[in-house]
Amino acid sequence: MNPKTKILFAILLLTLVSLACATLTGTPEVPVQPPTNTPLPPLPTNTPLPPLPTNPPVQQPEPTQDSAAPAITGSGDILFEDDFTNPESGWDRYSDDEGFTDYDNGAYKIGVYTETMFYWANPYRNFEDVSVEVITTKISGGDDVQFGIVCRHQDVNNWYVLVVSADGFAAIRKRYQGSDLEYIAEWVDAPVVNQGNATNLLRAECIGTRLALYANGILLLEVNDADIPTGDVGLLAGTFAETEVEVLFDNFVVTSP
């Protein structure tokens, strides 16, 4: 082999060796590590809602007093009674500019429309010793007024009346031989009287010389007087400084002692 051929062969051989080495020493491909799935944080557990507030108990109003009329309490024999459903039962029916007395839708009504005035009415009967009861309801006007039960009414000049006021007092008065309506038992405190526009059960006892007034079953005052021994019964309402009062009366009952 001539030197030139050797040189070419050597060059060829060197080239082959270089290629082989280059292949063996090439930088290997670094595999890409796929990312691991980072676990998501656990879903928050549902925090229980606070319990709904319970409705506070409803405060029930205190029971109010029954508005029905109080019961008649007389225990003797009934001598006369009137519930005023019949407007022809015999009571006075009168009116003028200052007041009136008349039947009114199943009751009896007395109205006064001027100061220092009273009106009364009778059923035109005659009794000696009696207990008289009636349910009264003041429906209008001020409280400085009077209303009550007449007994032993002989004529316009001779009779007794047992009264309460709408501001809680009681008295017994007499008209005798044409005198003014005088007091034979002065005004006393009567806290059992329902005041204002209210209903009361009144009872007057006119027995012998004893005159006694009750309200709602409680004795208010009593007095002895012998001037007028017998007569009719009745109802009265009147004013003092007030200029108006209207009172309804119902379930009028006259019993023996």
C-alpha atoms as a PDB file:
ATOM      1  CA  MET A   1       0.000   0.000   0.000  1.00  0.00           C
ATOM      2  CA  ASN A   2       1.504   3.274  -1.061  1.00  0.00           C
ATOM      3  CA  PRO A   3       1.840   6.042   1.413  1.00  0.00           C
ATOM      4  CA  LYS A   4      -0.936   8.068  -0.129  1.00  0.00           C
ATOM      5  CA  THR A   5      -3.304   5.147   0.113  1.00  0.00           C
ATOM      6  CA  LYS A   6      -2.312   4.645   3.724  1.00  0.00           C
ATOM      7  CA  ILE A   7      -2.957   8.220   4.428  1.00  0.00           C
ATOM      8  CA  LEU A   8      -6.435   8.046   2.826  1.00  0.00           C
ATOM      9  CA  PHE A   9      -7.162   4.830   4.651  1.00  0.00           C
ATOM     10  CA  ALA A  10      -6.000   6.347   7.878  1.00  0.00           C
ATOM     11  CA  ILE A  11      -8.170   9.414   7.278  1.00  0.00           C
ATOM     12  CA  LEU A  12     -11.165   7.194   6.456  1.00  0.00           C
ATOM     13  CA  LEU A  13     -10.592   5.076   9.510  1.00  0.00           C
ATOM     14  CA  LEU A  14     -10.213   8.126  11.702  1.00  0.00           C
ATOM     15  CA  THR A  15     -13.405   9.547  10.307  1.00  0.00           C
ATOM     16  CA  LEU A  16     -15.317   6.332  11.057  1.00  0.00           C
ATOM     17  CA  VAL A  17     -13.930   6.214  14.587  1.00  0.00           C
ATOM     18  CA  SER A  18     -14.869   9.862  15.148  1.00  0.00           C
ATOM     19  CA  LEU A  19     -18.424   9.253  13.967  1.00  0.00           C
ATOM     20  CA  ALA A  20     -18.721   6.226  16.188  1.00  0.00           C
ATOM     21  CA  CYS A  21     -17.449   8.108  19.200  1.00  0.00           C
ATOM     22  CA  ALA A  22     -19.729  11.007  18.487  1.00  0.00           C
ATOM     23  CA  THR A  23     -22.710   8.670  18.456  1.00  0.00           C
ATOM     24  CA  LEU A  24     -21.672   7.039  21.714  1.00  0.00           C
ATOM     25  CA  THR A  25     -20.971  10.276  23.544  1.00  0.00           C
ATOM     26  CA  GLY A  26     -24.026  12.318  22.398  1.00  0.00           C
ATOM     27  CA  THR A  27     -26.082  14.010  25.240  1.00  0.00           C
ATOM     28  CA  PRO A  28     -28.940  11.711  26.018  1.00  0.00           C
ATOM     29  CA  GLU A  29     -32.469  13.240  25.940  1.00  0.00           C
ATOM     30  CA  VAL A  30     -33.616  13.999  29.451  1.00  0.00           C
ATOM     31  CA  PRO A  31     -37.119  12.649  29.767  1.00  0.00           C
ATOM     32  CA  VAL A  32     -39.679  15.235  30.896  1.00  0.00           C
ATOM     33  CA  GLN A  33     -41.256  14.139  34.139  1.00  0.00           C
ATOM     34  CA  PRO A  34     -44.936  14.699  33.777  1.00  0.00           C
ATOM     35  CA  PRO A  35     -46.186  16.779  36.728  1.00  0.00           C
ATOM     36  CA  THR A  36     -47.881  14.812  39.401  1.00  0.00           C
ATOM     37  CA  ASN A  37     -51.458  15.901  40.124  1.00  0.00           C
ATOM     38  CA  THR A  38     -51.241  17.878  43.338  1.00  0.00           C
ATOM     39  CA  PRO A  39     -54.283  16.722  45.256  1.00  0.00           C
ATOM     40  CA  LEU A  40     -56.822  19.483  45.749  1.00  0.00           C
ATOM     41  CA  PRO A  41     -57.466  20.435  49.341  1.00  0.00           C
ATOM     42  CA  PRO A  42     -60.488  18.642  50.663  1.00  0.00           C
ATOM     43  CA  LEU A  43     -63.726  20.441  50.122  1.00  0.00           C
ATOM     44  CA  PRO A  44     -64.724  22.206  53.268  1.00  0.00           C
ATOM     45  CA  THR A  45     -67.300  20.297  55.182  1.00  0.00           C
ATOM     46  CA  ASN A  46     -70.610  22.103  55.428  1.00  0.00           C
ATOM     47  CA  THR A  47     -70.544  23.987  58.671  1.00  0.00           C
ATOM     48  CA  PRO A  48     -73.957  23.360  60.175  1.00  0.00           C
ATOM     49  CA  LEU A  49     -76.104  26.480  60.179  1.00  0.00           C
ATOM     50  CA  PRO A  50     -76.982  27.774  63.598  1.00  0.00           C
ATOM     51  CA  PRO A  51     -80.462  26.676  64.586  1.00  0.00           C
ATOM     52  CA  LEU A  52     -83.190  29.041  63.556  1.00  0.00           C
ATOM     53  CA  PRO A  53     -84.236  31.188  66.482  1.00  0.00           C
ATOM     54  CA  THR A  54     -87.377  29.944  68.056  1.00  0.00           C
ATOM     55  CA  ASN A  55     -90.208  32.431  68.130  1.00  0.00           C
ATOM     56  CA  PRO A  56     -90.464  33.935  71.591  1.00  0.00           C
ATOM     57  CA  PRO A  57     -93.711  33.008  73.273  1.00  0.00           C
ATOM     58  CA  VAL A  58     -96.456  35.468  72.489  1.00  0.00           C
ATOM     59  CA  GLN A  59     -97.475  37.358  75.598  1.00  0.00           C
ATOM     60  CA  GLN A  60    -101.141  36.651  76.004  1.00  0.00           C
ATOM     61  CA  PRO A  61    -103.179  39.634  77.171  1.00  0.00           C
ATOM     62  CA  GLU A  62    -104.666  39.432  80.586  1.00  0.00           C
ATOM     63  CA  PRO A  63    -108.274  38.300  80.411  1.00  0.00           C
ATOM     64  CA  THR A  64    -110.561  41.263  80.481  1.00  0.00           C
ATOM     65  CA  GLN A  65    -113.565  41.458  82.666  1.00  0.00           C
ATOM     66  CA  ASP A  66    -116.636  40.021  81.042  1.00  0.00           C
ATOM     67  CA  SER A  67    -118.564  42.893  79.556  1.00  0.00           C
ATOM     68  CA  ALA A  68    -121.870  41.121  80.169  1.00  0.00           C
ATOM     69  CA  ALA A  69    -124.170  42.800  82.635  1.00  0.00           C
ATOM     70  CA  PRO A  70    -123.842  41.605  86.240  1.00  0.00           C
ATOM     71  CA  ALA A  71    -126.469  39.257  87.588  1.00  0.00           C
ATOM     72  CA  ILE A  72    -129.367  40.472  89.688  1.00  0.00           C
ATOM     73  CA  THR A  73    -128.866  39.351  93.288  1.00  0.00           C
ATOM     74  CA  GLY A  74    -132.208  39.980  94.983  1.00  0.00           C
ATOM     75  CA  SER A  75    -133.512  36.968  96.907  1.00  0.00           C
ATOM     76  CA  GLY A  76    -137.088  37.976  97.878  1.00  0.00           C
ATOM     77  CA  ASP A  77    -140.304  37.505  95.968  1.00  0.00           C
ATOM     78  CA  ILE A  78    -140.434  39.542  92.774  1.00  0.00           C
ATOM     79  CA  LEU A  79    -143.050  42.278  93.113  1.00  0.00           C
ATOM     80  CA  PHE A  80    -142.303  44.044  89.830  1.00  0.00           C
ATOM     81  CA  GLU A  81    -139.721  43.739  87.064  1.00  0.00           C
ATOM     82  CA  ASP A  82    -139.051  45.344  83.712  1.00  0.00           C
ATOM     83  CA  ASP A  83    -136.359  44.652  81.113  1.00  0.00           C
ATOM     84  CA  PHE A  84    -137.635  47.617  79.046  1.00  0.00           C
ATOM     85  CA  THR A  85    -138.182  45.601  75.893  1.00  0.00           C
ATOM     86  CA  ASN A  86    -141.798  46.795  75.840  1.00  0.00           C
ATOM     87  CA  PRO A  87    -141.923  50.595  75.405  1.00  0.00           C
ATOM     88  CA  GLU A  88    -145.547  50.531  76.604  1.00  0.00           C
ATOM     89  CA  SER A  89    -144.767  49.119  80.065  1.00  0.00           C
ATOM     90  CA  GLY A  90    -145.729  52.374  81.775  1.00  0.00           C
ATOM     91  CA  TRP A  91    -142.591  54.429  82.464  1.00  0.00           C
ATOM     92  CA  ASP A  92    -142.430  58.175  81.819  1.00  0.00           C
ATOM     93  CA  ARG A  93    -141.535  59.269  78.291  1.00  0.00           C
ATOM     94  CA  TYR A  94    -140.572  62.931  78.400  1.00  0.00           C
ATOM     95  CA  SER A  95    -138.168  65.259  76.618  1.00  0.00           C
ATOM     96  CA  ASP A  96    -137.304  68.939  76.336  1.00  0.00           C
ATOM     97  CA  ASP A  97    -134.241  70.998  75.434  1.00  0.00           C
ATOM     98  CA  GLU A  98    -132.446  70.104  78.662  1.00  0.00           C
ATOM     99  CA  GLY A  99    -132.949  66.351  78.762  1.00  0.00           C
ATOM    100  CA  PHE A 100    -135.225  63.351  78.379  1.00  0.00           C
ATOM    101  CA  THR A 101    -136.414  60.066  79.858  1.00  0.00           C
ATOM    102  CA  ASP A 102    -137.452  57.281  77.462  1.00  0.00           C
ATOM    103  CA  TYR A 103    -137.108  53.676  76.332  1.00  0.00           C
ATOM    104  CA  ASP A 104    -134.055  52.991  74.188  1.00  0.00           C
ATOM    105  CA  ASN A 105    -133.499  49.715  72.286  1.00  0.00           C
ATOM    106  CA  GLY A 106    -134.404  47.339  75.087  1.00  0.00           C
ATOM    107  CA  ALA A 107    -133.196  49.576  77.913  1.00  0.00           C
ATOM    108  CA  TYR A 108    -134.323  52.786  79.599  1.00  0.00           C
ATOM    109  CA  LYS A 109    -132.315  55.959  79.058  1.00  0.00           C
ATOM    110  CA  ILE A 110    -132.078  59.246  80.901  1.00  0.00           C
ATOM    111  CA  GLY A 111    -130.143  62.106  79.330  1.00  0.00           C
ATOM    112  CA  VAL A 112    -129.374  65.514  80.837  1.00  0.00           C
ATOM    113  CA  TYR A 113    -127.809  68.311  78.769  1.00  0.00           C
ATOM    114  CA  THR A 114    -127.303  71.190  81.155  1.00  0.00           C
ATOM    115  CA  GLU A 115    -125.428  71.654  84.405  1.00  0.00           C
ATOM    116  CA  THR A 116    -126.942  71.231  87.886  1.00  0.00           C
ATOM    117  CA  MET A 117    -130.024  69.398  86.651  1.00  0.00           C
ATOM    118  CA  PHE A 118    -131.617  66.010  87.283  1.00  0.00           C
ATOM    119  CA  TYR A 119    -134.361  64.040  85.554  1.00  0.00           C
ATOM    120  CA  TRP A 120    -136.211  61.061  86.984  1.00  0.00           C
ATOM    121  CA  ALA A 121    -138.871  58.597  85.890  1.00  0.00           C
ATOM    122  CA  ASN A 122    -141.391  56.231  87.511  1.00  0.00           C
ATOM    123  CA  PRO A 123    -143.427  53.188  86.458  1.00  0.00           C
ATOM    124  CA  TYR A 124    -146.432  54.337  88.588  1.00  0.00           C
ATOM    125  CA  ARG A 125    -146.559  51.618  91.230  1.00  0.00           C
ATOM    126  CA  ASN A 126    -146.862  51.683  95.006  1.00  0.00           C
ATOM    127  CA  PHE A 127    -144.786  49.739  97.522  1.00  0.00           C
ATOM    128  CA  GLU A 128    -143.870  49.806 101.188  1.00  0.00           C
ATOM    129  CA  ASP A 129    -140.747  47.748 102.079  1.00  0.00           C
ATOM    130  CA  VAL A 130    -138.721  46.755  99.021  1.00  0.00           C
ATOM    131  CA  SER A 131    -135.324  46.001  97.594  1.00  0.00           C
ATOM    132  CA  VAL A 132    -134.788  47.537  94.152  1.00  0.00           C
ATOM    133  CA  GLU A 133    -132.042  46.477  91.762  1.00  0.00           C
ATOM    134  CA  VAL A 134    -131.034  47.782  88.362  1.00  0.00           C
ATOM    135  CA  ILE A 135    -128.080  47.543  86.008  1.00  0.00           C
ATOM    136  CA  THR A 136    -126.732  50.989  85.122  1.00  0.00           C
ATOM    137  CA  THR A 137    -124.326  51.977  82.351  1.00  0.00           C
ATOM    138  CA  LYS A 138    -123.085  55.526  81.939  1.00  0.00           C
ATOM    139  CA  ILE A 139    -122.532  55.946  78.211  1.00  0.00           C
ATOM    140  CA  SER A 140    -121.560  59.606  77.810  1.00  0.00           C
ATOM    141  CA  GLY A 141    -120.730  62.782  79.652  1.00  0.00           C
ATOM    142  CA  GLY A 142    -118.320  63.650  82.417  1.00  0.00           C
ATOM    143  CA  ASP A 143    -117.815  61.839  85.707  1.00  0.00           C
ATOM    144  CA  ASP A 144    -119.054  64.561  88.077  1.00  0.00           C
ATOM    145  CA  VAL A 145    -122.595  63.248  87.651  1.00  0.00           C
ATOM    146  CA  GLN A 146    -125.089  61.180  89.639  1.00  0.00           C
ATOM    147  CA  PHE A 147    -127.456  58.321  88.886  1.00  0.00           C
ATOM    148  CA  GLY A 148    -129.413  55.840  90.934  1.00  0.00           C
ATOM    149  CA  ILE A 149    -132.666  54.477  92.306  1.00  0.00           C
ATOM    150  CA  VAL A 150    -135.754  56.310  93.517  1.00  0.00           C
ATOM    151  CA  CYS A 151    -137.944  54.789  96.227  1.00  0.00           C
ATOM    152  CA  ARG A 152    -141.065  55.842  98.124  1.00  0.00           C
ATOM    153  CA  HIS A 153    -141.991  58.406  95.515  1.00  0.00           C
ATOM    154  CA  GLN A 154    -145.370  59.804  96.596  1.00  0.00           C
ATOM    155  CA  ASP A 155    -145.395  62.844  94.291  1.00  0.00           C
ATOM    156  CA  VAL A 156    -142.906  65.313  92.807  1.00  0.00           C
ATOM    157  CA  ASN A 157    -142.318  66.819  96.266  1.00  0.00           C
ATOM    158  CA  ASN A 158    -141.826  63.677  98.390  1.00  0.00           C
ATOM    159  CA  TRP A 159    -139.338  60.885  97.613  1.00  0.00           C
ATOM    160  CA  TYR A 160    -135.922  59.367  98.289  1.00  0.00           C
ATOM    161  CA  VAL A 161    -133.131  58.693  95.834  1.00  0.00           C
ATOM    162  CA  LEU A 162    -130.006  56.601  96.458  1.00  0.00           C
ATOM    163  CA  VAL A 163    -127.228  57.566  94.039  1.00  0.00           C
ATOM    164  CA  VAL A 164    -123.636  56.977  93.007  1.00  0.00           C
ATOM    165  CA  SER A 165    -121.394  59.282  91.010  1.00  0.00           C
ATOM    166  CA  ALA A 166    -119.315  58.253  88.007  1.00  0.00           C
ATOM    167  CA  ASP A 167    -116.148  59.291  89.851  1.00  0.00           C
ATOM    168  CA  GLY A 168    -116.714  56.827  92.696  1.00  0.00           C
ATOM    169  CA  PHE A 169    -118.878  58.313  95.458  1.00  0.00           C
ATOM    170  CA  ALA A 170    -122.281  57.502  96.964  1.00  0.00           C
ATOM    171  CA  ALA A 171    -125.032  59.431  98.770  1.00  0.00           C
ATOM    172  CA  ILE A 172    -128.676  59.243  99.841  1.00  0.00           C
ATOM    173  CA  ARG A 173    -130.954  62.218  99.202  1.00  0.00           C
ATOM    174  CA  LYS A 174    -134.519  63.199 100.023  1.00  0.00           C
ATOM    175  CA  ARG A 175    -137.096  65.605  98.707  1.00  0.00           C
ATOM    176  CA  TYR A 176    -139.691  66.200 101.387  1.00  0.00           C
ATOM    177  CA  GLN A 177    -142.700  68.515 101.326  1.00  0.00           C
ATOM    178  CA  GLY A 178    -141.363  70.470  98.384  1.00  0.00           C
ATOM    179  CA  SER A 179    -137.890  71.067  99.795  1.00  0.00           C
ATOM    180  CA  ASP A 180    -134.752  71.026  97.714  1.00  0.00           C
ATOM    181  CA  LEU A 181    -133.161  67.626  97.115  1.00  0.00           C
ATOM    182  CA  GLU A 182    -131.276  67.504 100.421  1.00  0.00           C
ATOM    183  CA  TYR A 183    -128.668  65.025 101.615  1.00  0.00           C
ATOM    184  CA  ILE A 184    -129.611  62.691 104.453  1.00  0.00           C
ATOM    185  CA  ALA A 185    -126.352  60.729 103.925  1.00  0.00           C
ATOM    186  CA  GLU A 186    -123.512  62.841 102.532  1.00  0.00           C
ATOM    187  CA  TRP A 187    -121.172  61.687  99.769  1.00  0.00           C
ATOM    188  CA  VAL A 188    -118.784  58.939 100.829  1.00  0.00           C
ATOM    189  CA  ASP A 189    -115.944  57.226  98.967  1.00  0.00           C
ATOM    190  CA  ALA A 190    -117.228  54.211  97.019  1.00  0.00           C
ATOM    191  CA  PRO A 191    -114.221  52.518  95.378  1.00  0.00           C
ATOM    192  CA  VAL A 192    -116.272  49.490  94.318  1.00  0.00           C
ATOM    193  CA  VAL A 193    -118.183  51.690  91.870  1.00  0.00           C
ATOM    194  CA  ASN A 194    -116.850  51.191  88.353  1.00  0.00           C
ATOM    195  CA  GLN A 195    -115.970  54.711  87.287  1.00  0.00           C
ATOM    196  CA  GLY A 196    -116.308  56.550  84.002  1.00  0.00           C
ATOM    197  CA  ASN A 197    -118.360  55.077  81.169  1.00  0.00           C
ATOM    198  CA  ALA A 198    -118.940  51.783  82.955  1.00  0.00           C
ATOM    199  CA  THR A 199    -121.563  49.314  84.114  1.00  0.00           C
ATOM    200  CA  ASN A 200    -122.639  48.874  87.748  1.00  0.00           C
ATOM    201  CA  LEU A 201    -125.247  46.828  89.534  1.00  0.00           C
ATOM    202  CA  LEU A 202    -127.039  49.061  92.049  1.00  0.00           C
ATOM    203  CA  ARG A 203    -129.369  47.963  94.817  1.00  0.00           C
ATOM    204  CA  ALA A 204    -131.449  50.179  97.088  1.00  0.00           C
ATOM    205  CA  GLU A 205    -133.089  48.788 100.196  1.00  0.00           C
ATOM    206  CA  CYS A 206    -136.002  50.824 101.539  1.00  0.00           C
ATOM    207  CA  ILE A 207    -137.202  48.709 104.445  1.00  0.00           C
ATOM    208  CA  GLY A 208    -138.887  50.263 107.479  1.00  0.00           C
ATOM    209  CA  THR A 209    -136.891  53.361 108.356  1.00  0.00           C
ATOM    210  CA  ARG A 210    -133.654  51.926 106.886  1.00  0.00           C
ATOM    211  CA  LEU A 211    -132.395  53.191 103.538  1.00  0.00           C
ATOM    212  CA  ALA A 212    -129.295  51.418 102.228  1.00  0.00           C
ATOM    213  CA  LEU A 213    -127.362  51.576  98.970  1.00  0.00           C
ATOM    214  CA  TYR A 214    -125.237  48.802  97.468  1.00  0.00           C
ATOM    215  CA  ALA A 215    -123.020  48.756  94.359  1.00  0.00           C
ATOM    216  CA  ASN A 216    -121.846  45.496  92.798  1.00  0.00           C
ATOM    217  CA  GLY A 217    -122.922  43.592  95.903  1.00  0.00           C
ATOM    218  CA  ILE A 218    -121.117  45.825  98.437  1.00  0.00           C
ATOM    219  CA  LEU A 219    -122.880  48.034 100.998  1.00  0.00           C
ATOM    220  CA  LEU A 220    -121.862  51.655 100.433  1.00  0.00           C
ATOM    221  CA  LEU A 221    -123.860  53.509 103.091  1.00  0.00           C
ATOM    222  CA  GLU A 222    -127.113  53.448 105.030  1.00  0.00           C
ATOM    223  CA  VAL A 223    -129.268  55.847 107.041  1.00  0.00           C
ATOM    224  CA  ASN A 224    -132.549  55.831 108.964  1.00  0.00           C
ATOM    225  CA  ASP A 225    -135.397  58.156 107.998  1.00  0.00           C
ATOM    226  CA  ALA A 226    -139.103  57.755 108.754  1.00  0.00           C
ATOM    227  CA  ASP A 227    -140.604  60.698 106.873  1.00  0.00           C
ATOM    228  CA  ILE A 228    -141.854  58.843 103.770  1.00  0.00           C
ATOM    229  CA  PRO A 229    -143.084  55.300 104.525  1.00  0.00           C
ATOM    230  CA  THR A 230    -144.464  54.160 101.134  1.00  0.00           C
ATOM    231  CA  GLY A 231    -144.529  55.090  97.464  1.00  0.00           C
ATOM    232  CA  ASP A 232    -143.397  54.379  93.916  1.00  0.00           C
ATOM    233  CA  VAL A 233    -139.960  53.342  92.686  1.00  0.00           C
ATOM    234  CA  GLY A 234    -137.953  54.916  89.866  1.00  0.00           C
ATOM    235  CA  LEU A 235    -134.697  55.958  88.235  1.00  0.00           C
ATOM    236  CA  LEU A 236    -132.704  59.211  88.212  1.00  0.00           C
ATOM    237  CA  ALA A 237    -129.717  60.775  86.476  1.00  0.00           C
ATOM    238  CA  GLY A 238    -128.332  64.286  86.863  1.00  0.00           C
ATOM    239  CA  THR A 239    -125.413  66.661  86.504  1.00  0.00           C
ATOM    240  CA  PHE A 240    -123.454  68.977  88.772  1.00  0.00           C
ATOM    241  CA  ALA A 241    -120.766  71.096  87.109  1.00  0.00           C
ATOM    242  CA  GLU A 242    -120.790  68.831  84.049  1.00  0.00           C
ATOM    243  CA  THR A 243    -123.146  69.804  81.256  1.00  0.00           C
ATOM    244  CA  GLU A 244    -124.041  66.336  79.970  1.00  0.00           C
ATOM    245  CA  VAL A 245    -124.733  62.792  81.090  1.00  0.00           C
ATOM    246  CA  GLU A 246    -126.504  59.834  79.521  1.00  0.00           C
ATOM    247  CA  VAL A 247    -127.243  56.680  81.490  1.00  0.00           C
ATOM    248  CA  LEU A 248    -128.817  53.412  80.376  1.00  0.00           C
ATOM    249  CA  PHE A 249    -130.804  51.322  82.865  1.00  0.00           C
ATOM    250  CA  ASP A 250    -131.730  47.678  82.398  1.00  0.00           C
ATOM    251  CA  ASN A 251    -133.214  44.691  84.256  1.00  0.00           C
ATOM    252  CA  PHE A 252    -135.127  46.658  86.856  1.00  0.00           C
ATOM    253  CA  VAL A 253    -136.337  44.327  89.618  1.00  0.00           C
ATOM    254  CA  VAL A 254    -138.336  45.073  92.782  1.00  0.00           C
ATOM    255  CA  THR A 255    -138.392  42.325  95.419  1.00  0.00           C
ATOM    256  CA  SER A 256    -139.802  41.929  98.896  1.00  0.00           C
ATOM    257  CA  PRO A 257    -137.335  41.986 101.832  1.00  0.00           C
END
